[in-house]
Amino acid sequence: MILRITQKTLGKNRHGWAYDRRSGLWITYAVDLTLGRHRIRRRGFRTRREAEQFELDLRNRHRQSEFDITPPKAFPLVSDLFARRLEAGFANRKERVRAERVFRLFLQILGHGTRINRVSRSHYREYCDRRIADGVSPATAAREITVIAAAFNRAAEFWPELENFTPVRPVWPKVPKKSRGRVIRRDERIRLVNHLLRPAQADESGKTVAARHRAGLLLQFALLTGLRHGEICLLRKNWLDRSRSTIRVERPKTDSDGEIVLSASALDVLTRAAGLFPDSPFFFSRNGKPHYAIYRILSNACSEIGLDYGRRNGGFVIHDARHTFITALQAAGFDLATISSFSGHSDAHIVSRYTHATPESQKRAAIAISEEMDPSIDPSLQTNASSEPAVSDPDELFRRIRSGELALEEFRRLFQK
C-alpha cells in the first residue's frame, strides 16, 4: 500500500519531503505492506513512483528468497561514490572545496543510505530549489549540478562492473541566456593599460608600483592571449619556446594543457614580466597562485581615470579580456577551430558564448547589407541625400512633380539651392 502523508512544516532532520504547490503543503509517500510474517513500513519517498519502485523491489527480493535465488549484487552507495571522486583528486584546491560542499549538501537530501541507482530527477530538482532558496543564482546552482552529474558519470571508472550503468539525467535550473561578459572597448583598454604601466609617482612605494605594473602586464597579456587569470599565473618560464614563439598552458578548469602561439607583443610582455619575480619559476607570480590583489588595483585604477569597473556598476572585469580576445578573433574572420585552440574549449561551438556584437561589427554589417540590397527596390532605404535629386536632372525632377512625390516646400528649397 502506498500512502501520501502531508504536513504544514518541514522538519529540519527529515528527508524525503517535497513541496506540493497545489496543496501548499510538504508531502512524502510511505510504503506499508506485509510479506510473509513481516510487516514493512517505510516513508520518506518524494514521489509515488519512488515508493512504488521500492515496493516492487521488496516483492522481488521476497520472491527470490522463496525460490532460493541469490539476489544480484547491490549498487554502491552514493556516499562511497562521492568519497572515491574526492580521492581521485581535482585540478586545484578551490574545485575540491566546492565539490566537498556540493556532495555534502546533496547527501543531506538523499540520506547516507541511498544507492546510486536510487537517485532520481526529483533529487536534482530539490537540490536546485534549495540552493536557489538559499540565495545562490541559477547559474551557480547549474554549475553545482554539473559537479554532481560528473561524479555519477565516472562510476564505471571506480567500479568496472558498472560499465553498463546509465545514471539518471540531471535537472538543471533555467539560466538566463544573457552572457555574463562584455567586450572591453579600445579606448578603455588603452587608457587602463597606460595608467597601470605608468612610471612611479612621488607618493608611491616601490611595492605599490611593482604590484601596479604586475596588474598592467597581466591584463595586457590576457588581452593578447585570451587566457584566464589563473592560467596566466601558472605560466612557467621554462615553458616558453622563443624559437617557435610558443608557450605551454595548463588549464585547471578543464583539466587539460596545450600550447599556444604568441605574438611579438605577447613575447614582449613576457620579457617584461620575467623581471617581476627573478627568483621564481613563474612569470606573473611567486608560487603559481592567482594575483587576487589585481581586483582592488583595477578597481582603484578605473576610479582614477573615470572608467566603470565591476558587474554591478555595468563595467568590466578582468575575465572580460577573454571575451574581448575571442570576439576580436571572430571579427577578424578566423574559424571556430582556430579560436578554440587559443581559448582551450573542447567544443568549438562554446566559443560562440564568448563572442559579442560591437559597434564596429554592427556598422560593418549595416554597410554590407546596404551594399548587398538595391536601394531602388524600396524608397525608404534611400538616404536623405539620395532622395533629393540635383536640379541639373530635369527629367527626374519633373517625374517626381507629376507623380506627386515632390512637395511644394521641397520644390522651392531645391531651386533656392
Protein backbone atom coordinates (compact mmCIF):
# COMPACT_ATOMS: atom_id res chain seq x y z
CA MET A 1 0.00 0.00 0.00
CA ILE A 2 1.27 3.46 -0.94
CA LEU A 3 0.34 6.25 1.48
CA ARG A 4 0.54 10.00 0.93
CA ILE A 5 1.49 11.96 4.04
CA THR A 6 1.31 15.73 4.35
CA GLN A 7 2.46 18.27 6.91
CA LYS A 8 2.47 22.04 7.12
CA THR A 9 6.13 22.49 8.01
CA LEU A 10 9.28 20.65 7.01
CA GLY A 11 11.28 19.16 9.87
CA LYS A 12 14.96 20.00 9.92
CA ASN A 13 16.15 16.40 10.15
CA ARG A 14 13.53 14.85 7.91
CA HIS A 15 14.45 13.50 4.48
CA GLY A 16 12.21 12.75 1.57
CA TRP A 17 9.73 15.59 1.86
CA ALA A 18 8.78 17.61 -1.22
CA TYR A 19 6.69 20.77 -1.51
CA ASP A 20 3.38 20.40 -3.34
CA ARG A 21 2.42 23.73 -4.92
CA ARG A 22 -1.19 22.68 -5.48
CA SER A 23 -1.95 21.89 -1.85
CA GLY A 24 0.61 24.27 -0.39
CA LEU A 25 1.92 21.53 1.90
CA TRP A 26 5.06 19.46 2.30
CA ILE A 27 4.32 15.86 1.33
CA THR A 28 6.01 12.48 1.39
CA TYR A 29 5.00 8.97 0.38
CA ALA A 30 5.14 5.87 2.55
CA VAL A 31 5.11 2.12 1.86
CA ASP A 32 3.13 -0.20 4.15
CA LEU A 33 2.98 -3.86 3.14
CA THR A 34 3.20 -7.33 4.65
CA LEU A 35 5.47 -10.01 3.16
CA GLY A 36 5.10 -13.41 4.79
CA ARG A 37 5.05 -12.80 8.52
CA HIS A 38 6.82 -9.44 8.38
CA ARG A 39 5.23 -6.07 8.10
CA ILE A 40 7.39 -3.41 6.44
CA ARG A 41 6.67 0.28 6.85
CA ARG A 42 8.93 2.89 5.32
CA ARG A 43 8.34 6.54 4.49
CA GLY A 44 10.44 9.37 3.05
CA PHE A 45 9.80 8.96 -0.68
CA ARG A 46 9.49 12.21 -2.64
CA THR A 47 7.30 10.79 -5.39
CA ARG A 48 4.79 7.98 -5.71
CA ARG A 49 6.98 6.44 -8.37
CA GLU A 50 9.87 6.05 -5.91
CA ALA A 51 7.60 4.43 -3.37
CA GLU A 52 6.19 2.03 -5.97
CA GLN A 53 9.69 1.09 -7.09
CA PHE A 54 10.71 0.39 -3.51
CA GLU A 55 7.64 -1.80 -3.02
CA LEU A 56 8.38 -3.68 -6.25
CA ASP A 57 11.97 -4.34 -5.15
CA LEU A 58 10.79 -5.71 -1.82
CA ARG A 59 8.37 -8.08 -3.52
CA ASN A 60 11.07 -9.26 -5.94
CA ARG A 61 13.51 -9.96 -3.12
CA HIS A 62 10.85 -11.87 -1.20
CA ARG A 63 10.02 -13.91 -4.30
CA GLN A 64 13.73 -14.70 -4.89
CA SER A 65 14.15 -15.83 -1.30
CA GLU A 66 11.19 -18.20 -1.65
CA PHE A 67 12.83 -19.90 -4.64
CA ASP A 68 16.35 -19.75 -3.09
CA ILE A 69 17.65 -17.41 -5.80
CA THR A 70 20.74 -15.37 -4.98
CA PRO A 71 19.86 -11.69 -5.38
CA PRO A 72 22.07 -9.56 -7.62
CA LYS A 73 24.86 -7.54 -6.07
CA ALA A 74 23.67 -4.24 -4.68
CA PHE A 75 24.76 -0.98 -6.24
CA PRO A 76 27.31 1.09 -4.31
CA LEU A 77 26.23 3.89 -2.04
CA VAL A 78 26.21 7.48 -3.25
CA SER A 79 28.40 8.42 -0.29
CA ASP A 80 31.02 5.88 -1.43
CA LEU A 81 30.88 7.29 -4.96
CA PHE A 82 31.49 10.81 -3.70
CA ALA A 83 34.33 9.63 -1.47
CA ARG A 84 36.08 7.95 -4.39
CA ARG A 85 35.57 11.00 -6.56
CA LEU A 86 37.27 13.14 -3.93
CA GLU A 87 40.12 10.62 -3.70
CA ALA A 88 40.61 10.86 -7.48
CA GLY A 89 41.63 14.48 -7.00
CA PHE A 90 40.82 17.81 -8.63
CA ALA A 91 42.79 20.31 -10.64
CA ASN A 92 43.11 22.73 -7.72
CA ARG A 93 42.09 23.16 -4.11
CA LYS A 94 39.25 25.57 -4.91
CA GLU A 95 37.43 22.99 -7.04
CA ARG A 96 37.92 20.31 -4.39
CA VAL A 97 36.47 22.51 -1.66
CA ARG A 98 33.46 23.29 -3.84
CA ALA A 99 32.94 19.58 -4.63
CA GLU A 100 33.08 18.68 -0.93
CA ARG A 101 30.42 21.27 -0.15
CA VAL A 102 28.19 20.21 -3.05
CA PHE A 103 28.46 16.50 -2.20
CA ARG A 104 27.63 17.19 1.44
CA LEU A 105 24.51 19.17 0.55
CA PHE A 106 23.34 16.53 -1.93
CA LEU A 107 23.77 13.76 0.63
CA GLN A 108 21.62 15.72 3.07
CA ILE A 109 18.81 15.46 0.54
CA LEU A 110 19.41 11.80 -0.32
CA GLY A 111 20.32 10.35 3.03
CA HIS A 112 23.55 8.41 3.53
CA GLY A 113 21.94 5.05 2.82
CA THR A 114 20.90 5.85 -0.76
CA ARG A 115 22.45 3.83 -3.56
CA ILE A 116 23.42 5.29 -6.91
CA ASN A 117 20.61 3.56 -8.80
CA ARG A 118 18.04 5.18 -6.49
CA VAL A 119 18.88 8.75 -7.39
CA SER A 120 16.05 10.32 -9.35
CA ARG A 121 15.43 13.57 -11.13
CA SER A 122 13.36 14.76 -8.19
CA HIS A 123 16.53 14.74 -6.07
CA TYR A 124 18.25 17.07 -8.51
CA ARG A 125 15.15 19.25 -8.65
CA GLU A 126 15.01 19.53 -4.87
CA TYR A 127 18.69 20.40 -4.75
CA CYS A 128 18.15 23.24 -7.25
CA ASP A 129 15.14 24.55 -5.33
CA ARG A 130 17.01 24.55 -2.03
CA ARG A 131 20.11 26.24 -3.42
CA ILE A 132 18.09 28.97 -5.12
CA ALA A 133 16.10 29.41 -1.91
CA ASP A 134 19.44 29.87 -0.12
CA GLY A 135 20.10 32.86 -2.34
CA VAL A 136 22.51 31.49 -4.96
CA SER A 137 22.00 32.32 -8.62
CA PRO A 138 20.58 29.74 -11.06
CA ALA A 139 23.93 29.73 -12.87
CA THR A 140 25.73 28.76 -9.65
CA ALA A 141 23.19 26.01 -8.95
CA ALA A 142 23.67 24.73 -12.50
CA ARG A 143 27.45 24.52 -12.04
CA GLU A 144 26.97 22.57 -8.81
CA ILE A 145 24.60 20.15 -10.53
CA THR A 146 27.30 19.61 -13.14
CA VAL A 147 29.75 18.62 -10.39
CA ILE A 148 27.30 16.00 -9.10
CA ALA A 149 26.48 14.66 -12.56
CA ALA A 150 30.18 14.37 -13.40
CA ALA A 151 30.71 12.16 -10.34
CA PHE A 152 27.93 9.79 -11.42
CA ASN A 153 29.32 9.63 -14.95
CA ARG A 154 32.62 8.34 -13.52
CA ALA A 155 31.01 5.50 -11.54
CA ALA A 156 32.21 2.89 -14.04
CA GLU A 157 35.76 4.17 -13.56
CA PHE A 158 35.63 3.31 -9.85
CA TRP A 159 33.59 0.09 -10.22
CA PRO A 160 34.26 -1.71 -13.53
CA GLU A 161 31.17 -3.88 -13.09
CA LEU A 162 29.07 -0.73 -13.59
CA GLU A 163 30.16 -0.36 -17.22
CA ASN A 164 26.57 -0.59 -18.43
CA PHE A 165 25.17 1.62 -15.67
CA THR A 166 23.41 4.72 -17.01
CA PRO A 167 22.88 7.47 -14.43
CA VAL A 168 19.62 9.36 -14.33
CA ARG A 169 19.58 12.53 -16.41
CA PRO A 170 20.11 15.56 -14.14
CA VAL A 171 17.78 18.52 -13.83
CA TRP A 172 19.36 21.93 -14.32
CA PRO A 173 17.68 25.19 -13.32
CA LYS A 174 16.70 27.61 -16.01
CA VAL A 175 19.56 30.04 -16.51
CA PRO A 176 19.07 33.27 -18.46
CA LYS A 177 20.91 33.09 -21.77
CA LYS A 178 22.29 36.59 -21.36
CA SER A 179 26.06 36.49 -21.42
CA ARG A 180 27.87 37.48 -18.24
CA GLY A 181 30.77 39.03 -20.15
CA ARG A 182 31.29 42.12 -22.23
CA VAL A 183 33.88 43.50 -24.61
CA ILE A 184 36.39 46.00 -23.26
CA ARG A 185 36.41 48.91 -25.69
CA ARG A 186 39.62 50.01 -27.37
CA ASP A 187 39.73 53.37 -25.61
CA GLU A 188 39.17 51.65 -22.26
CA ARG A 189 42.00 49.19 -22.89
CA ILE A 190 44.47 51.87 -23.91
CA ARG A 191 43.68 54.21 -21.04
CA LEU A 192 43.72 51.49 -18.38
CA VAL A 193 46.92 49.73 -19.51
CA ASN A 194 48.80 53.03 -19.88
CA HIS A 195 47.61 54.12 -16.44
CA LEU A 196 48.75 50.87 -14.82
CA LEU A 197 52.15 50.84 -16.55
CA ARG A 198 52.97 54.50 -15.96
CA PRO A 199 56.23 55.36 -14.17
CA ALA A 200 56.42 55.51 -10.41
CA GLN A 201 54.77 58.50 -8.80
CA ALA A 202 56.22 60.56 -5.98
CA ASP A 203 53.75 59.30 -3.37
CA GLU A 204 54.04 55.58 -4.31
CA SER A 205 56.24 53.00 -2.63
CA GLY A 206 58.28 50.51 -4.59
CA LYS A 207 55.98 47.68 -3.56
CA THR A 208 52.90 49.57 -4.78
CA VAL A 209 54.50 50.35 -8.14
CA ALA A 210 55.54 46.70 -8.62
CA ALA A 211 52.01 45.48 -7.88
CA ARG A 212 50.53 48.05 -10.27
CA HIS A 213 52.93 47.10 -13.08
CA ARG A 214 52.21 43.43 -12.45
CA ALA A 215 48.46 44.07 -12.82
CA GLY A 216 49.01 46.04 -16.02
CA LEU A 217 51.20 43.36 -17.61
CA LEU A 218 48.77 40.62 -16.59
CA LEU A 219 45.82 42.49 -18.10
CA GLN A 220 47.77 43.22 -21.26
CA PHE A 221 48.80 39.56 -21.63
CA ALA A 222 45.19 38.43 -21.07
CA LEU A 223 44.06 40.73 -23.89
CA LEU A 224 46.77 39.34 -26.20
CA THR A 225 46.21 35.64 -25.48
CA GLY A 226 42.67 35.20 -24.10
CA LEU A 227 43.97 33.13 -21.17
CA ARG A 228 42.20 33.07 -17.84
CA HIS A 229 43.65 34.79 -14.80
CA GLY A 230 44.62 31.53 -13.11
CA GLU A 231 46.15 30.13 -16.30
CA ILE A 232 48.39 33.19 -16.69
CA CYS A 233 49.66 32.90 -13.11
CA LEU A 234 50.59 29.25 -13.76
CA LEU A 235 52.85 30.05 -16.72
CA ARG A 236 56.40 28.88 -16.07
CA LYS A 237 59.48 30.46 -17.57
CA ASN A 238 60.83 27.15 -18.86
CA TRP A 239 57.60 26.56 -20.81
CA LEU A 240 58.42 29.39 -23.21
CA ASP A 241 59.97 28.40 -26.54
CA ARG A 242 61.20 31.62 -28.12
CA SER A 243 62.46 29.88 -31.25
CA ARG A 244 58.90 28.79 -32.08
CA SER A 245 57.13 31.68 -30.29
CA THR A 246 55.02 29.23 -28.29
CA ILE A 247 54.32 28.58 -24.63
CA ARG A 248 52.75 25.65 -22.84
CA VAL A 249 49.49 26.36 -20.99
CA GLU A 250 47.86 24.39 -18.19
CA ARG A 251 44.09 24.77 -17.91
CA PRO A 252 42.91 23.66 -14.43
CA LYS A 253 39.26 24.38 -15.21
CA THR A 254 39.16 21.76 -17.98
CA ASP A 255 41.98 19.61 -16.52
CA SER A 256 43.95 19.85 -19.77
CA ASP A 257 47.01 21.52 -21.17
CA GLY A 258 48.22 22.60 -24.56
CA GLU A 259 50.37 25.06 -26.45
CA ILE A 260 49.55 28.43 -27.94
CA VAL A 261 51.39 30.67 -30.37
CA LEU A 262 52.44 34.08 -29.08
CA SER A 263 52.58 37.33 -31.00
CA ALA A 264 55.55 39.69 -30.82
CA SER A 265 53.61 41.89 -28.41
CA ALA A 266 52.84 38.94 -26.13
CA LEU A 267 56.52 37.91 -26.15
CA ASP A 268 57.47 41.45 -25.18
CA VAL A 269 55.04 41.34 -22.25
CA LEU A 270 56.57 38.06 -21.04
CA THR A 271 60.05 39.56 -21.30
CA ARG A 272 58.98 42.41 -19.04
CA ALA A 273 57.07 40.07 -16.70
CA ALA A 274 60.13 37.86 -16.22
CA GLY A 275 61.64 40.62 -14.08
CA LEU A 276 58.70 40.75 -11.67
CA PHE A 277 59.92 37.71 -9.71
CA PRO A 278 63.50 36.97 -10.79
CA ASP A 279 63.90 34.03 -8.39
CA SER A 280 60.51 32.44 -9.19
CA PRO A 281 59.92 29.79 -11.89
CA PHE A 282 56.69 31.61 -12.81
CA PHE A 283 56.27 34.75 -14.89
CA PHE A 284 53.43 36.52 -13.09
CA SER A 285 53.50 35.04 -9.59
CA ARG A 286 55.89 33.84 -6.92
CA ASN A 287 54.22 30.46 -6.31
CA GLY A 288 51.76 29.99 -9.18
CA LYS A 289 48.74 31.26 -7.27
CA PRO A 290 46.32 33.86 -8.71
CA HIS A 291 47.05 37.55 -8.16
CA TYR A 292 43.99 38.41 -6.06
CA ALA A 293 45.19 41.95 -5.39
CA ILE A 294 44.59 42.73 -9.05
CA TYR A 295 40.87 43.20 -8.43
CA ARG A 296 41.47 46.00 -5.96
CA ILE A 297 44.19 47.54 -8.18
CA LEU A 298 41.92 47.52 -11.24
CA SER A 299 39.03 48.98 -9.27
CA ASN A 300 41.18 51.84 -7.95
CA ALA A 301 42.72 52.49 -11.35
CA CYS A 302 39.32 52.65 -13.04
CA SER A 303 38.07 55.08 -10.41
CA GLU A 304 41.08 57.33 -11.01
CA ILE A 305 40.60 57.54 -14.78
CA GLY A 306 36.79 57.52 -14.79
CA LEU A 307 36.00 54.01 -16.06
CA ASP A 308 33.27 51.69 -14.81
CA TYR A 309 34.56 48.54 -13.14
CA GLY A 310 32.56 45.58 -11.80
CA ARG A 311 29.41 43.82 -12.93
CA ARG A 312 27.17 45.72 -10.53
CA ASN A 313 28.37 49.03 -11.91
CA GLY A 314 27.85 47.96 -15.51
CA GLY A 315 31.60 47.85 -16.04
CA PHE A 316 34.08 45.17 -16.96
CA VAL A 317 36.18 42.68 -15.00
CA ILE A 318 39.47 41.02 -15.87
CA HIS A 319 37.72 37.94 -17.30
CA ASP A 320 36.24 40.22 -19.95
CA ALA A 321 39.69 40.31 -21.53
CA ARG A 322 38.96 36.72 -22.61
CA HIS A 323 35.66 37.78 -24.17
CA THR A 324 37.41 40.68 -25.90
CA PHE A 325 40.14 38.42 -27.32
CA ILE A 326 37.69 35.83 -28.70
CA THR A 327 35.38 38.50 -30.12
CA ALA A 328 38.32 40.17 -31.88
CA LEU A 329 39.41 36.87 -33.48
CA GLN A 330 35.89 36.17 -34.68
CA ALA A 331 35.57 39.68 -36.12
CA ALA A 332 38.85 39.13 -37.97
CA GLY A 333 37.27 36.15 -39.75
CA PHE A 334 39.05 33.22 -38.08
CA ASP A 335 37.26 29.87 -37.91
CA LEU A 336 35.97 28.35 -34.68
CA ALA A 337 38.63 25.62 -34.61
CA THR A 338 41.43 28.17 -34.65
CA ILE A 339 39.78 30.30 -31.97
CA SER A 340 39.16 27.28 -29.73
CA SER A 341 42.86 26.33 -30.00
CA PHE A 342 43.61 29.57 -28.16
CA SER A 343 40.65 29.55 -25.79
CA GLY A 344 41.05 25.88 -24.86
CA HIS A 345 37.40 24.92 -25.39
CA SER A 346 36.89 21.26 -26.23
CA ASP A 347 33.73 22.12 -28.16
CA ALA A 348 34.29 24.79 -30.77
CA HIS A 349 30.63 25.85 -30.60
CA ILE A 350 31.06 27.01 -26.99
CA VAL A 351 33.20 29.78 -28.42
CA SER A 352 30.01 31.46 -29.62
CA ARG A 353 29.11 32.21 -25.98
CA TYR A 354 32.20 34.40 -25.74
CA THR A 355 31.53 36.44 -28.86
CA HIS A 356 29.66 39.73 -28.68
CA ALA A 357 28.34 42.34 -31.07
CA THR A 358 30.36 45.55 -31.07
CA PRO A 359 29.55 48.97 -32.57
CA GLU A 360 32.22 48.33 -35.20
CA SER A 361 30.79 44.94 -36.16
CA GLN A 362 27.27 46.37 -36.32
CA LYS A 363 28.48 49.23 -38.52
CA ARG A 364 30.22 46.80 -40.88
CA ALA A 365 27.08 44.70 -41.01
CA ALA A 366 24.97 47.75 -41.88
CA ILE A 367 27.38 48.73 -44.67
CA ALA A 368 27.46 45.18 -46.02
CA ILE A 369 23.69 44.86 -46.13
CA SER A 370 23.31 48.26 -47.76
CA GLU A 371 25.77 47.24 -50.48
CA GLU A 372 24.03 43.91 -50.96
CA MET A 373 20.50 45.23 -51.17
CA ASP A 374 19.48 47.51 -54.05
CA PRO A 375 18.06 50.72 -52.52
CA SER A 376 15.83 51.20 -55.57
CA ILE A 377 13.55 48.34 -54.52
CA ASP A 378 12.33 50.37 -51.56
CA PRO A 379 12.42 54.16 -51.45
CA SER A 380 12.55 54.07 -47.62
CA LEU A 381 16.02 52.52 -47.82
CA GLN A 382 17.39 55.57 -49.58
CA THR A 383 19.16 58.24 -47.58
CA ASN A 384 18.06 61.84 -47.48
CA ALA A 385 20.89 62.84 -49.78
CA SER A 386 19.96 60.30 -52.42
CA SER A 387 16.25 61.14 -52.18
CA GLU A 388 16.88 64.73 -53.20
CA PRO A 389 17.81 64.78 -56.90
CA ALA A 390 20.00 67.52 -58.26
CA VAL A 391 18.34 70.38 -60.12
CA SER A 392 20.52 69.57 -63.11
CA ASP A 393 18.48 66.38 -63.67
CA PRO A 394 15.22 67.85 -65.00
CA ASP A 395 13.69 64.56 -66.16
CA GLU A 396 13.79 63.04 -62.68
CA LEU A 397 12.64 66.30 -61.14
CA PHE A 398 9.62 66.63 -63.47
CA ARG A 399 8.75 62.95 -62.94
CA ARG A 400 8.55 63.48 -59.20
CA ILE A 401 6.47 66.63 -59.66
CA ARG A 402 3.95 64.84 -61.88
CA SER A 403 3.71 61.82 -59.57
CA GLY A 404 3.20 64.00 -56.50
CA GLU A 405 6.34 62.72 -54.76
CA LEU A 406 7.83 66.20 -54.56
CA ALA A 407 6.09 68.58 -52.15
CA LEU A 408 5.87 72.31 -52.87
CA GLU A 409 8.16 73.23 -49.94
CA GLU A 410 10.78 70.75 -51.13
CA PHE A 411 10.47 72.10 -54.70
CA ARG A 412 11.14 75.64 -53.52
CA ARG A 413 14.09 74.53 -51.34
CA LEU A 414 15.70 72.71 -54.24
CA PHE A 415 15.52 75.69 -56.55
CA GLN A 416 16.73 78.06 -53.81
CA LYS A 417 19.94 75.98 -53.67
